[in-house]
C-alpha atoms as a PDB file:
ATOM      1  CA  MET A   1      10.139 172.550 -43.057  1.00  0.00           C
ATOM      2  CA  LYS A   2       7.913 175.542 -43.510  1.00  0.00           C
ATOM      3  CA  ARG A   3       6.514 173.941 -46.909  1.00  0.00           C
ATOM      4  CA  PHE A   4       5.731 170.920 -45.023  1.00  0.00           C
ATOM      5  CA  TRP A   5       3.460 172.512 -42.494  1.00  0.00           C
ATOM      6  CA  PHE A   6       1.783 174.718 -45.303  1.00  0.00           C
ATOM      7  CA  CYS A   7       0.896 171.729 -47.227  1.00  0.00           C
ATOM      8  CA  LEU A   8      -0.599 170.003 -44.152  1.00  0.00           C
ATOM      9  CA  LEU A   9      -2.754 173.132 -43.288  1.00  0.00           C
ATOM     10  CA  PHE A  10      -3.895 173.390 -46.900  1.00  0.00           C
ATOM     11  CA  LEU A  11      -5.182 169.772 -46.726  1.00  0.00           C
ATOM     12  CA  PHE A  12      -6.925 170.214 -43.419  1.00  0.00           C
ATOM     13  CA  VAL A  13      -8.842 173.298 -44.750  1.00  0.00           C
ATOM     14  CA  VAL A  14      -9.896 171.742 -47.987  1.00  0.00           C
ATOM     15  CA  GLY A  15     -11.231 168.657 -45.966  1.00  0.00           C
ATOM     16  CA  CYS A  16     -13.436 170.951 -43.641  1.00  0.00           C
ATOM     17  CA  THR A  17     -14.896 172.765 -46.392  1.00  0.00           C
ATOM     18  CA  ALA A  18     -15.887 169.885 -48.850  1.00  0.00           C
ATOM     19  CA  THR A  19     -19.715 168.918 -49.340  1.00  0.00           C
ATOM     20  CA  THR A  20     -21.047 165.450 -48.910  1.00  0.00           C
ATOM     21  CA  PRO A  21     -22.232 164.270 -52.470  1.00  0.00           C
ATOM     22  CA  THR A  22     -25.971 163.387 -52.453  1.00  0.00           C
ATOM     23  CA  LEU A  23     -27.545 160.624 -54.421  1.00  0.00           C
ATOM     24  CA  ASP A  24     -30.023 161.642 -57.096  1.00  0.00           C
ATOM     25  CA  LEU A  25     -32.972 159.237 -56.195  1.00  0.00           C
ATOM     26  CA  PRO A  26     -36.548 159.447 -57.788  1.00  0.00           C
ATOM     27  CA  VAL A  27     -39.262 161.001 -55.621  1.00  0.00           C
ATOM     28  CA  VAL A  28     -42.196 158.820 -54.632  1.00  0.00           C
ATOM     29  CA  ASP A  29     -45.502 160.621 -54.081  1.00  0.00           C
ATOM     30  CA  THR A  30     -47.383 159.426 -51.139  1.00  0.00           C
ATOM     31  CA  PRO A  31     -51.295 159.854 -51.421  1.00  0.00           C
ATOM     32  CA  THR A  32     -52.788 161.910 -48.955  1.00  0.00           C
ATOM     33  CA  ALA A  33     -56.184 161.585 -47.094  1.00  0.00           C
ATOM     34  CA  SER A  34     -57.875 164.059 -49.332  1.00  0.00           C
ATOM     35  CA  MET A  35     -56.668 162.059 -52.323  1.00  0.00           C
ATOM     36  CA  ALA A  36     -58.115 158.733 -50.775  1.00  0.00           C
ATOM     37  CA  ALA A  37     -61.411 160.259 -50.071  1.00  0.00           C
ATOM     38  CA  SER A  38     -61.762 161.644 -53.560  1.00  0.00           C
ATOM     39  CA  ALA A  39     -61.005 158.283 -55.100  1.00  0.00           C
ATOM     40  CA  THR A  40     -64.129 157.002 -57.249  1.00  0.00           C
ATOM     41  CA  LEU A  41     -65.880 153.910 -55.654  1.00  0.00           C
ATOM     42  CA  PRO A  42     -67.951 151.401 -57.530  1.00  0.00           C
ATOM     43  CA  PRO A  43     -71.663 152.076 -57.371  1.00  0.00           C
ATOM     44  CA  GLU A  44     -73.587 150.252 -54.694  1.00  0.00           C
ATOM     45  CA  VAL A  45     -75.468 147.090 -55.690  1.00  0.00           C
ATOM     46  CA  PRO A  46     -79.073 146.940 -54.110  1.00  0.00           C
ATOM     47  CA  PRO A  47     -79.304 143.456 -52.182  1.00  0.00           C
ATOM     48  CA  THR A  48     -81.051 140.738 -54.162  1.00  0.00           C
ATOM     49  CA  GLN A  49     -84.440 139.792 -52.926  1.00  0.00           C
ATOM     50  CA  THR A  50     -84.884 136.096 -51.969  1.00  0.00           C
ATOM     51  CA  PRO A  51     -87.675 134.774 -54.163  1.00  0.00           C
ATOM     52  CA  ALA A  52     -90.663 133.481 -52.256  1.00  0.00           C
ATOM     53  CA  PRO A  53     -90.642 129.580 -51.727  1.00  0.00           C
ATOM     54  CA  GLY A  54     -92.912 127.604 -54.071  1.00  0.00           C
ATOM     55  CA  ARG A  55     -95.989 126.032 -52.723  1.00  0.00           C
ATOM     56  CA  VAL A  56     -98.197 123.046 -52.975  1.00  0.00           C
ATOM     57  CA  TRP A  57    -101.919 123.513 -52.580  1.00  0.00           C
ATOM     58  CA  LEU A  58    -104.155 121.123 -50.990  1.00  0.00           C
ATOM     59  CA  VAL A  59    -107.805 121.580 -51.938  1.00  0.00           C
ATOM     60  CA  GLY A  60    -110.889 119.617 -51.614  1.00  0.00           C
ATOM     61  CA  SER A  61    -111.912 116.375 -49.615  1.00  0.00           C
ATOM     62  CA  LEU A  62    -108.565 114.667 -49.361  1.00  0.00           C
ATOM     63  CA  PRO A  63    -107.540 112.412 -46.564  1.00  0.00           C
ATOM     64  CA  ASP A  64    -106.224 114.280 -43.449  1.00  0.00           C
ATOM     65  CA  GLY A  65    -103.667 113.291 -40.801  1.00  0.00           C
ATOM     66  CA  ASP A  66    -101.169 110.859 -42.184  1.00  0.00           C
ATOM     67  CA  PHE A  67    -101.757 112.031 -45.973  1.00  0.00           C
ATOM     68  CA  GLN A  68    -101.079 115.668 -45.124  1.00  0.00           C
ATOM     69  CA  ALA A  69     -98.053 114.703 -43.217  1.00  0.00           C
ATOM     70  CA  ALA A  70     -96.576 112.792 -46.145  1.00  0.00           C
ATOM     71  CA  VAL A  71     -97.426 115.618 -48.683  1.00  0.00           C
ATOM     72  CA  ALA A  72     -95.614 118.075 -46.215  1.00  0.00           C
ATOM     73  CA  ALA A  73     -92.576 115.678 -46.215  1.00  0.00           C
ATOM     74  CA  LEU A  74     -92.545 115.492 -49.856  1.00  0.00           C
ATOM     75  CA  ALA A  75     -92.862 119.348 -50.391  1.00  0.00           C
ATOM     76  CA  GLY A  76     -90.144 119.979 -47.921  1.00  0.00           C
ATOM     77  CA  GLN A  77     -87.771 117.659 -49.808  1.00  0.00           C
ATOM     78  CA  SER A  78     -88.388 119.780 -52.911  1.00  0.00           C
ATOM     79  CA  ASN A  79     -88.038 123.128 -50.891  1.00  0.00           C
ATOM     80  CA  LEU A  80     -91.678 123.616 -51.231  1.00  0.00           C
ATOM     81  CA  THR A  81     -94.358 124.463 -48.617  1.00  0.00           C
ATOM     82  CA  LEU A  82     -97.773 122.856 -48.120  1.00  0.00           C
ATOM     83  CA  GLU A  83    -100.780 125.135 -48.028  1.00  0.00           C
ATOM     84  CA  VAL A  84    -104.356 123.824 -47.235  1.00  0.00           C
ATOM     85  CA  ARG A  85    -106.808 126.121 -49.122  1.00  0.00           C
ATOM     86  CA  PRO A  86    -110.560 126.008 -48.675  1.00  0.00           C
ATOM     87  CA  ASP A  87    -111.276 126.170 -52.481  1.00  0.00           C
ATOM     88  CA  LEU A  88    -110.079 127.322 -56.018  1.00  0.00           C
ATOM     89  CA  GLN A  89    -112.123 130.407 -56.330  1.00  0.00           C
ATOM     90  CA  THR A  90    -109.222 132.864 -56.171  1.00  0.00           C
ATOM     91  CA  GLY A  91    -106.551 132.759 -58.744  1.00  0.00           C
ATOM     92  CA  LEU A  92    -103.353 130.789 -58.385  1.00  0.00           C
ATOM     93  CA  GLU A  93    -100.238 132.643 -57.403  1.00  0.00           C
ATOM     94  CA  ALA A  94     -97.012 132.549 -59.291  1.00  0.00           C
ATOM     95  CA  GLU A  95     -95.305 130.437 -56.421  1.00  0.00           C
ATOM     96  CA  VAL A  96     -97.830 127.632 -56.737  1.00  0.00           C
ATOM     97  CA  LYS A  97     -95.965 124.555 -58.323  1.00  0.00           C
ATOM     98  CA  MET A  98     -98.632 121.789 -57.682  1.00  0.00           C
ATOM     99  CA  VAL A  99    -102.295 121.625 -56.796  1.00  0.00           C
ATOM    100  CA  LEU A 100    -103.682 118.432 -55.134  1.00  0.00           C
ATOM    101  CA  ALA A 101    -107.379 118.230 -55.324  1.00  0.00           C
ATOM    102  CA  GLY A 102    -109.877 115.897 -53.822  1.00  0.00           C
ATOM    103  CA  GLY A 103    -113.108 114.864 -55.770  1.00  0.00           C
ATOM    104  CA  ASN A 104    -114.064 117.793 -58.165  1.00  0.00           C
ATOM    105  CA  PRO A 105    -113.859 120.962 -56.123  1.00  0.00           C
ATOM    106  CA  ALA A 106    -115.541 124.118 -57.306  1.00  0.00           C
ATOM    107  CA  GLY A 107    -113.342 126.127 -59.799  1.00  0.00           C
ATOM    108  CA  LEU A 108    -111.338 123.245 -60.786  1.00  0.00           C
ATOM    109  CA  ALA A 109    -111.913 123.340 -64.374  1.00  0.00           C
ATOM    110  CA  SER A 110    -111.401 127.174 -64.608  1.00  0.00           C
ATOM    111  CA  ALA A 111    -108.103 126.920 -62.576  1.00  0.00           C
ATOM    112  CA  VAL A 112    -106.863 124.129 -64.838  1.00  0.00           C
ATOM    113  CA  ALA A 113    -107.402 126.254 -68.043  1.00  0.00           C
ATOM    114  CA  ALA A 114    -106.125 129.448 -66.467  1.00  0.00           C
ATOM    115  CA  ALA A 115    -102.875 127.892 -65.245  1.00  0.00           C
ATOM    116  CA  PRO A 116    -101.606 125.275 -67.952  1.00  0.00           C
ATOM    117  CA  GLN A 117     -98.127 125.621 -66.362  1.00  0.00           C
ATOM    118  CA  VAL A 118     -99.287 124.180 -63.000  1.00  0.00           C
ATOM    119  CA  PRO A 119     -99.842 120.416 -62.588  1.00  0.00           C
ATOM    120  CA  PHE A 120    -103.049 119.366 -60.911  1.00  0.00           C
ATOM    121  CA  VAL A 121    -103.117 115.902 -59.261  1.00  0.00           C
ATOM    122  CA  VAL A 122    -106.885 114.986 -58.881  1.00  0.00           C
ATOM    123  CA  PHE A 123    -107.874 112.151 -56.438  1.00  0.00           C
ATOM    124  CA  GLY A 124    -111.301 110.742 -57.244  1.00  0.00           C
ATOM    125  CA  ASP A 125    -113.773 109.265 -59.793  1.00  0.00           C
ATOM    126  CA  ALA A 126    -115.782 112.402 -60.755  1.00  0.00           C
ATOM    127  CA  PRO A 127    -116.900 111.706 -64.493  1.00  0.00           C
ATOM    128  CA  ASP A 128    -116.688 115.395 -65.382  1.00  0.00           C
ATOM    129  CA  LEU A 129    -112.944 116.081 -64.338  1.00  0.00           C
ATOM    130  CA  PRO A 130    -111.318 118.410 -66.933  1.00  0.00           C
ATOM    131  CA  GLN A 131    -109.295 116.720 -69.550  1.00  0.00           C
ATOM    132  CA  ALA A 132    -105.896 118.588 -69.971  1.00  0.00           C
ATOM    133  CA  THR A 133    -102.188 117.833 -70.183  1.00  0.00           C
ATOM    134  CA  ASN A 134    -101.637 119.371 -66.817  1.00  0.00           C
ATOM    135  CA  VAL A 135    -104.032 117.117 -65.018  1.00  0.00           C
ATOM    136  CA  TRP A 136    -102.928 113.877 -63.289  1.00  0.00           C
ATOM    137  CA  ARG A 137    -106.036 111.587 -62.321  1.00  0.00           C
ATOM    138  CA  VAL A 138    -105.657 109.113 -59.327  1.00  0.00           C
ATOM    139  CA  ARG A 139    -108.692 106.935 -59.266  1.00  0.00           C
ATOM    140  CA  LEU A 140    -110.023 105.649 -55.925  1.00  0.00           C
ATOM    141  CA  ARG A 141    -110.835 101.902 -55.426  1.00  0.00           C
ATOM    142  CA  PRO A 142    -113.628 101.250 -53.087  1.00  0.00           C
ATOM    143  CA  GLN A 143    -114.849  98.294 -54.911  1.00  0.00           C
ATOM    144  CA  ASP A 144    -111.172  96.582 -54.812  1.00  0.00           C
ATOM    145  CA  GLN A 145    -110.942  97.717 -51.161  1.00  0.00           C
ATOM    146  CA  LEU A 146    -114.347  95.863 -50.285  1.00  0.00           C
ATOM    147  CA  PHE A 147    -113.281  92.829 -52.336  1.00  0.00           C
ATOM    148  CA  VAL A 148    -109.922  92.450 -50.298  1.00  0.00           C
ATOM    149  CA  ALA A 149    -111.829  92.912 -47.067  1.00  0.00           C
ATOM    150  CA  GLY A 150    -114.145  90.164 -47.878  1.00  0.00           C
ATOM    151  CA  TYR A 151    -111.315  88.077 -48.857  1.00  0.00           C
ATOM    152  CA  LEU A 152    -109.382  88.849 -45.678  1.00  0.00           C
ATOM    153  CA  THR A 153    -112.428  88.337 -43.278  1.00  0.00           C
ATOM    154  CA  ALA A 154    -112.926  84.913 -44.844  1.00  0.00           C
ATOM    155  CA  ILE A 155    -109.321  83.862 -44.277  1.00  0.00           C
ATOM    156  CA  LEU A 156    -109.626  85.036 -40.628  1.00  0.00           C
ATOM    157  CA  ALA A 157    -113.136  83.553 -39.876  1.00  0.00           C
ATOM    158  CA  PRO A 158    -113.473  80.078 -38.311  1.00  0.00           C
ATOM    159  CA  ASP A 159    -115.873  78.073 -40.386  1.00  0.00           C
ATOM    160  CA  TRP A 160    -116.027  80.989 -42.834  1.00  0.00           C
ATOM    161  CA  ARG A 161    -118.291  82.933 -40.448  1.00  0.00           C
ATOM    162  CA  SER A 162    -117.583  86.289 -41.749  1.00  0.00           C
ATOM    163  CA  ALA A 163    -119.874  89.581 -42.257  1.00  0.00           C
ATOM    164  CA  ALA A 164    -119.720  93.293 -43.086  1.00  0.00           C
ATOM    165  CA  LEU A 165    -121.453  96.452 -41.856  1.00  0.00           C
ATOM    166  CA  LEU A 166    -121.669  98.688 -45.061  1.00  0.00           C
ATOM    167  CA  PRO A 167    -122.869 102.107 -45.935  1.00  0.00           C
ATOM    168  CA  GLU A 168    -125.836 102.035 -48.230  1.00  0.00           C
ATOM    169  CA  ASP A 169    -125.405 105.717 -49.416  1.00  0.00           C
ATOM    170  CA  ALA A 170    -125.803 106.324 -53.018  1.00  0.00           C
ATOM    171  CA  GLY A 171    -122.464 107.132 -54.658  1.00  0.00           C
ATOM    172  CA  LEU A 172    -120.188 105.346 -52.073  1.00  0.00           C
ATOM    173  CA  LEU A 173    -120.583 101.939 -53.603  1.00  0.00           C
ATOM    174  CA  ALA A 174    -123.904 100.737 -55.221  1.00  0.00           C
ATOM    175  CA  LYS A 175    -122.855  96.978 -55.100  1.00  0.00           C
ATOM    176  CA  GLY A 176    -120.934  96.986 -51.785  1.00  0.00           C
ATOM    177  CA  SER A 177    -122.691  93.801 -50.599  1.00  0.00           C
ATOM    178  CA  GLU A 178    -122.088  91.875 -53.795  1.00  0.00           C
ATOM    179  CA  VAL A 179    -118.232  92.986 -54.045  1.00  0.00           C
ATOM    180  CA  PHE A 180    -117.635  92.015 -50.461  1.00  0.00           C
ATOM    181  CA  THR A 181    -119.250  88.582 -50.848  1.00  0.00           C
ATOM    182  CA  ASN A 182    -117.233  88.110 -54.078  1.00  0.00           C
ATOM    183  CA  GLY A 183    -114.095  88.674 -52.087  1.00  0.00           C
ATOM    184  CA  ALA A 184    -114.996  86.149 -49.537  1.00  0.00           C
ATOM    185  CA  ARG A 185    -116.102  83.482 -51.998  1.00  0.00           C
ATOM    186  CA  TYR A 186    -112.915  84.073 -53.956  1.00  0.00           C
ATOM    187  CA  TRP A 187    -111.245  82.331 -51.116  1.00  0.00           C
ATOM    188  CA  CYS A 188    -113.783  79.769 -49.846  1.00  0.00           C
ATOM    189  CA  GLY A 189    -116.209  79.113 -52.683  1.00  0.00           C
ATOM    190  CA  ARG A 190    -119.748  78.642 -51.344  1.00  0.00           C
ATOM    191  CA  CYS A 191    -118.435  79.331 -47.835  1.00  0.00           C
ATOM    192  CA  ALA A 192    -120.780  76.874 -46.387  1.00  0.00           C
ATOM    193  CA  PRO A 193    -119.921  76.224 -42.629  1.00  0.00           C
ATOM    194  CA  THR A 194    -119.615  72.694 -41.212  1.00  0.00           C
ATOM    195  CA  TYR A 195    -121.476  73.472 -37.901  1.00  0.00           C
ATOM    196  CA  GLY A 196    -124.904  75.130 -37.514  1.00  0.00           C
ATOM    197  CA  PRO A 197    -126.550  77.379 -37.927  1.00  0.00           C
ATOM    198  CA  VAL A 198    -125.767  76.586 -41.524  1.00  0.00           C
ATOM    199  CA  VAL A 199    -126.064  79.469 -43.847  1.00  0.00           C
ATOM    200  CA  LEU A 200    -123.921  80.838 -46.674  1.00  0.00           C
ATOM    201  CA  PHE A 201    -121.366  83.294 -45.523  1.00  0.00           C
ATOM    202  CA  PRO A 202    -120.398  86.069 -45.555  1.00  0.00           C
ATOM    203  CA  LEU A 203    -123.446  87.961 -44.368  1.00  0.00           C
ATOM    204  CA  THR A 204    -123.910  91.813 -44.788  1.00  0.00           C
ATOM    205  CA  ALA A 205    -125.909  94.579 -43.314  1.00  0.00           C
ATOM    206  CA  THR A 206    -126.317  98.099 -44.797  1.00  0.00           C
ATOM    207  CA  LEU A 207    -127.486 101.439 -43.212  1.00  0.00           C
ATOM    208  CA  PRO A 208    -127.142 105.068 -43.954  1.00  0.00           C
ATOM    209  CA  SER A 209    -123.824 106.483 -43.106  1.00  0.00           C
ATOM    210  CA  GLY A 210    -125.133 108.794 -40.547  1.00  0.00           C
ATOM    211  CA  SER A 211    -126.846 106.149 -38.591  1.00  0.00           C
ATOM    212  CA  ALA A 212    -126.440 105.899 -34.748  1.00  0.00           C
ATOM    213  CA  PRO A 213    -123.923 103.649 -33.215  1.00  0.00           C
ATOM    214  CA  SER A 214    -126.624 101.833 -31.532  1.00  0.00           C
ATOM    215  CA  ALA A 215    -128.512 101.144 -34.992  1.00  0.00           C
ATOM    216  CA  TRP A 216    -125.246  99.625 -36.433  1.00  0.00           C
ATOM    217  CA  LEU A 217    -124.984  97.391 -33.242  1.00  0.00           C
ATOM    218  CA  THR A 218    -128.513  96.272 -33.592  1.00  0.00           C
ATOM    219  CA  ALA A 219    -127.880  95.416 -37.322  1.00  0.00           C
ATOM    220  CA  PHE A 220    -124.933  93.450 -36.381  1.00  0.00           C
ATOM    221  CA  ASP A 221    -126.807  91.552 -33.474  1.00  0.00           C
ATOM    222  CA  VAL A 222    -129.071  90.220 -36.232  1.00  0.00           C
ATOM    223  CA  LEU A 223    -125.936  88.828 -38.203  1.00  0.00           C
ATOM    224  CA  HIS A 224    -124.607  87.587 -34.911  1.00  0.00           C
ATOM    225  CA  GLU A 225    -127.506  85.212 -34.240  1.00  0.00           C
ATOM    226  CA  LYS A 226    -125.641  83.134 -37.088  1.00  0.00           C
ATOM    227  CA  ARG A 227    -122.463  83.030 -35.000  1.00  0.00           C
ATOM    228  CA  VAL A 228    -120.442  85.496 -37.033  1.00  0.00           C
ATOM    229  CA  GLU A 229    -116.766  85.452 -35.847  1.00  0.00           C
ATOM    230  CA  VAL A 230    -115.370  88.238 -37.834  1.00  0.00           C
ATOM    231  CA  VAL A 231    -116.708  91.446 -39.262  1.00  0.00           C
ATOM    232  CA  TYR A 232    -115.736  94.052 -41.600  1.00  0.00           C
ATOM    233  CA  VAL A 233    -116.641  97.625 -40.339  1.00  0.00           C
ATOM    234  CA  ALA A 234    -116.728 100.246 -42.812  1.00  0.00           C
ATOM    235  CA  PRO A 235    -115.210 103.622 -41.898  1.00  0.00           C
ATOM    236  CA  GLN A 236    -118.708 105.145 -42.039  1.00  0.00           C
ATOM    237  CA  ALA A 237    -119.907 102.889 -39.253  1.00  0.00           C
ATOM    238  CA  VAL A 238    -116.838 103.094 -36.764  1.00  0.00           C
ATOM    239  CA  SER A 239    -117.443 104.464 -33.421  1.00  0.00           C
ATOM    240  CA  GLU A 240    -116.289 103.765 -29.897  1.00  0.00           C
ATOM    241  CA  GLU A 241    -119.583 102.656 -28.856  1.00  0.00           C
ATOM    242  CA  LEU A 242    -119.991 100.147 -31.719  1.00  0.00           C
ATOM    243  CA  LEU A 243    -116.365  98.880 -31.152  1.00  0.00           C
ATOM    244  CA  ARG A 244    -117.087  98.380 -27.328  1.00  0.00           C
ATOM    245  CA  GLY A 245    -120.311  96.304 -28.275  1.00  0.00           C
ATOM    246  CA  LEU A 246    -118.385  94.149 -30.753  1.00  0.00           C
ATOM    247  CA  ALA A 247    -115.531  93.595 -28.000  1.00  0.00           C
ATOM    248  CA  GLU A 248    -118.017  92.459 -25.677  1.00  0.00           C
ATOM    249  CA  ARG A 249    -119.438  89.989 -28.094  1.00  0.00           C
ATOM    250  CA  ARG A 250    -115.963  88.647 -28.746  1.00  0.00           C
ATOM    251  CA  VAL A 251    -115.853  89.407 -32.368  1.00  0.00           C
ATOM    252  CA  LEU A 252    -112.795  90.261 -34.425  1.00  0.00           C
ATOM    253  CA  VAL A 253    -112.813  93.400 -36.658  1.00  0.00           C
ATOM    254  CA  VAL A 254    -111.292  94.343 -40.043  1.00  0.00           C
ATOM    255  CA  SER A 255    -111.879  97.877 -41.146  1.00  0.00           C
ATOM    256  CA  GLY A 256    -111.283 100.269 -44.100  1.00  0.00           C
ATOM    257  CA  GLY A 257    -109.217 102.696 -42.014  1.00  0.00           C
ATOM    258  CA  PRO A 258    -107.361 103.038 -38.687  1.00  0.00           C
ATOM    259  CA  LEU A 259    -109.215 102.114 -35.613  1.00  0.00           C
ATOM    260  CA  PRO A 260    -108.716 103.574 -32.172  1.00  0.00           C
ATOM    261  CA  ASP A 261    -106.389 102.275 -29.684  1.00  0.00           C
ATOM    262  CA  SER A 262    -109.482 101.070 -27.650  1.00  0.00           C
ATOM    263  CA  ALA A 263    -110.055  98.418 -30.296  1.00  0.00           C
ATOM    264  CA  ARG A 264    -106.719  96.813 -30.397  1.00  0.00           C
ATOM    265  CA  GLU A 265    -107.581  93.805 -28.748  1.00  0.00           C
ATOM    266  CA  ILE A 266    -110.261  92.812 -31.410  1.00  0.00           C
ATOM    267  CA  TRP A 267    -108.763  94.534 -34.539  1.00  0.00           C
ATOM    268  CA  ALA A 268    -106.971  92.387 -36.827  1.00  0.00           C
ATOM    269  CA  ALA A 269    -106.058  94.646 -39.782  1.00  0.00           C
ATOM    270  CA  ALA A 270    -107.185  97.449 -42.117  1.00  0.00           C
ATOM    271  CA  VAL A 271    -107.576  97.425 -45.818  1.00  0.00           C
ATOM    272  CA  MET A 272    -106.668 100.991 -46.687  1.00  0.00           C
ATOM    273  CA  GLU A 273    -106.418 103.083 -50.028  1.00  0.00           C
ATOM    274  CA  ASP A 274    -102.988 104.841 -49.833  1.00  0.00           C
ATOM    275  CA  PRO A 275    -102.872 108.114 -51.759  1.00  0.00           C
ATOM    276  CA  ALA A 276     -99.563 109.012 -50.145  1.00  0.00           C
ATOM    277  CA  GLN A 277     -97.788 106.106 -51.706  1.00  0.00           C
ATOM    278  CA  THR A 278     -99.229 106.815 -55.156  1.00  0.00           C
ATOM    279  CA  LEU A 279     -98.245 110.601 -54.806  1.00  0.00           C
ATOM    280  CA  GLN A 280     -94.699 109.587 -53.763  1.00  0.00           C
ATOM    281  CA  GLU A 281     -94.470 107.365 -56.895  1.00  0.00           C
ATOM    282  CA  ILE A 282     -95.378 110.196 -59.385  1.00  0.00           C
ATOM    283  CA  TRP A 283     -94.093 113.234 -57.439  1.00  0.00           C
ATOM    284  CA  ALA A 284     -90.899 113.691 -59.523  1.00  0.00           C
ATOM    285  CA  ASP A 285     -92.669 113.265 -62.872  1.00  0.00           C
ATOM    286  CA  VAL A 286     -95.487 115.797 -61.826  1.00  0.00           C
ATOM    287  CA  LEU A 287     -92.875 118.463 -60.670  1.00  0.00           C
ATOM    288  CA  ALA A 288     -90.921 117.913 -63.838  1.00  0.00           C
ATOM    289  CA  GLY A 289     -93.773 118.834 -66.009  1.00  0.00           C
ATOM    290  CA  GLN A 290     -94.441 115.498 -67.501  1.00  0.00           C
ATOM    291  CA  PRO A 291     -97.937 115.089 -69.335  1.00  0.00           C
ATOM    292  CA  GLY A 292    -100.654 114.087 -66.994  1.00  0.00           C
ATOM    293  CA  GLN A 293    -101.436 110.338 -66.523  1.00  0.00           C
ATOM    294  CA  GLU A 294    -104.072 108.228 -64.929  1.00  0.00           C
ATOM    295  CA  ARG A 295    -103.203 105.985 -61.994  1.00  0.00           C
ATOM    296  CA  LEU A 296    -104.942 103.745 -59.546  1.00  0.00           C
ATOM    297  CA  VAL A 297    -104.565 104.544 -55.908  1.00  0.00           C
ATOM    298  CA  ALA A 298    -102.229 102.278 -54.163  1.00  0.00           C
ATOM    299  CA  LEU A 299    -104.009  99.578 -51.792  1.00  0.00           C
ATOM    300  CA  ARG A 300    -102.448  97.990 -48.912  1.00  0.00           C
ATOM    301  CA  VAL A 301    -103.162  95.765 -45.683  1.00  0.00           C
ATOM    302  CA  ALA A 302    -102.241  97.876 -42.785  1.00  0.00           C
ATOM    303  CA  GLU A 303    -102.383  98.402 -39.166  1.00  0.00           C
ATOM    304  CA  VAL A 304    -101.924  94.668 -38.703  1.00  0.00           C
ATOM    305  CA  ASN A 305    -102.271  92.785 -35.442  1.00  0.00           C
ATOM    306  CA  GLN A 306     -99.569  90.166 -35.751  1.00  0.00           C
ATOM    307  CA  ARG A 307    -101.221  88.163 -33.062  1.00  0.00           C
ATOM    308  CA  LEU A 308    -104.336  87.825 -34.947  1.00  0.00           C
ATOM    309  CA  LEU A 309    -103.333  88.036 -38.559  1.00  0.00           C
ATOM    310  CA  SER A 310    -100.312  85.752 -39.430  1.00  0.00           C
ATOM    311  CA  PRO A 311     -97.660  87.059 -42.123  1.00  0.00           C
ATOM    312  CA  GLY A 312     -98.733  84.079 -44.415  1.00  0.00           C
ATOM    313  CA  ARG A 313    -102.398  85.305 -44.435  1.00  0.00           C
ATOM    314  CA  GLN A 314    -101.308  88.777 -44.939  1.00  0.00           C
ATOM    315  CA  GLU A 315     -99.146  87.835 -47.813  1.00  0.00           C
ATOM    316  CA  ARG A 316    -102.153  85.999 -49.389  1.00  0.00           C
ATOM    317  CA  ALA A 317    -104.194  89.285 -49.266  1.00  0.00           C
ATOM    318  CA  GLU A 318    -101.424  91.260 -50.702  1.00  0.00           C
ATOM    319  CA  LEU A 319    -101.116  88.741 -53.713  1.00  0.00           C
ATOM    320  CA  VAL A 320    -104.865  89.423 -54.284  1.00  0.00           C
ATOM    321  CA  ILE A 321    -104.206  93.102 -54.208  1.00  0.00           C
ATOM    322  CA  ALA A 322    -101.417  92.629 -56.797  1.00  0.00           C
ATOM    323  CA  ALA A 323    -103.782  90.596 -59.066  1.00  0.00           C
ATOM    324  CA  LEU A 324    -106.344  93.348 -58.889  1.00  0.00           C
ATOM    325  CA  ASP A 325    -103.739  95.907 -59.723  1.00  0.00           C
ATOM    326  CA  GLU A 326    -102.860  93.997 -62.936  1.00  0.00           C
ATOM    327  CA  GLY A 327    -106.567  93.385 -63.890  1.00  0.00           C
ATOM    328  CA  LEU A 328    -106.365  89.591 -63.446  1.00  0.00           C
ATOM    329  CA  ILE A 329    -109.345  89.683 -60.903  1.00  0.00           C
ATOM    330  CA  SER A 330    -112.510  91.389 -61.255  1.00  0.00           C
ATOM    331  CA  PRO A 331    -114.062  92.624 -57.923  1.00  0.00           C
ATOM    332  CA  PHE A 332    -117.439  91.934 -59.532  1.00  0.00           C
ATOM    333  CA  SER A 333    -116.903  88.380 -60.002  1.00  0.00           C
ATOM    334  CA  VAL A 334    -115.571  85.538 -57.941  1.00  0.00           C
ATOM    335  CA  SER A 335    -113.357  84.258 -60.692  1.00  0.00           C
ATOM    336  CA  ALA A 336    -110.776  85.897 -63.111  1.00  0.00           C
ATOM    337  CA  PRO A 337    -112.320  87.807 -65.922  1.00  0.00           C
END
């Protein structure tokens, strides 16, 4: 019995003094704040500067208003901005991607030579324009414009009774009266009226561009004695005073450009050069660096008063324009060349 209690006591003592075994696990080092601060960071990269947007320069005597708006729209579609410049006396900046020039502005030849990578689109007929692969030439068409105007007034005029008020300035169109007359007679031949006073139409009157409206109206009154019904008014002659006088005389008007709203009642249509349309046609090729070409400026019948000019008559005038485009009609003749 004593041995039993002795064994029990021995086991109790051994159980109380035994140590709990520990697992030998690997120690994981945790980075401290000082270690994180001393870690190597990648070098700072300076912010990339956004390149300046490309620009299109507009220089010289180009049409304003609608033309500039059309150029601005084309430039915007190509992520370019339009800038109107007084001249080409300063050097072209690197951001200039295209230059549109009217006539032959001062400094054009030197700018073309100094910047062969920049395309120049030149609107005009100056004989001494620079010849270079980066020059695109758009020829104006005053003779075709007057020919179509003569044709259109003859179509509109009862008994062929049409006339024109034209500038006589040297350099505008030396044979303006002849060309206008050819256009009318391309439609009506001799254009001899049925009723008196019997004269061969059309009639024309010419004055210097800067003439007063009263002078233009006096010149028209001489024509009106022959019972003129439709008159072409060149842009150089247009004025509010002249148009009021023509409205009082109950005469229909065709013009070479937009007329004011006050003339709507007597305004049939305009025959206009359209440089914006031509520029749109060549825009992509110019920006792509294609070699320069020569084009004729587009011509169109615009500002049409549908009450006075029917679609059929307008279509006839547009067919004449197409024939002039293709060289099938000469404005200096009443028949095909």
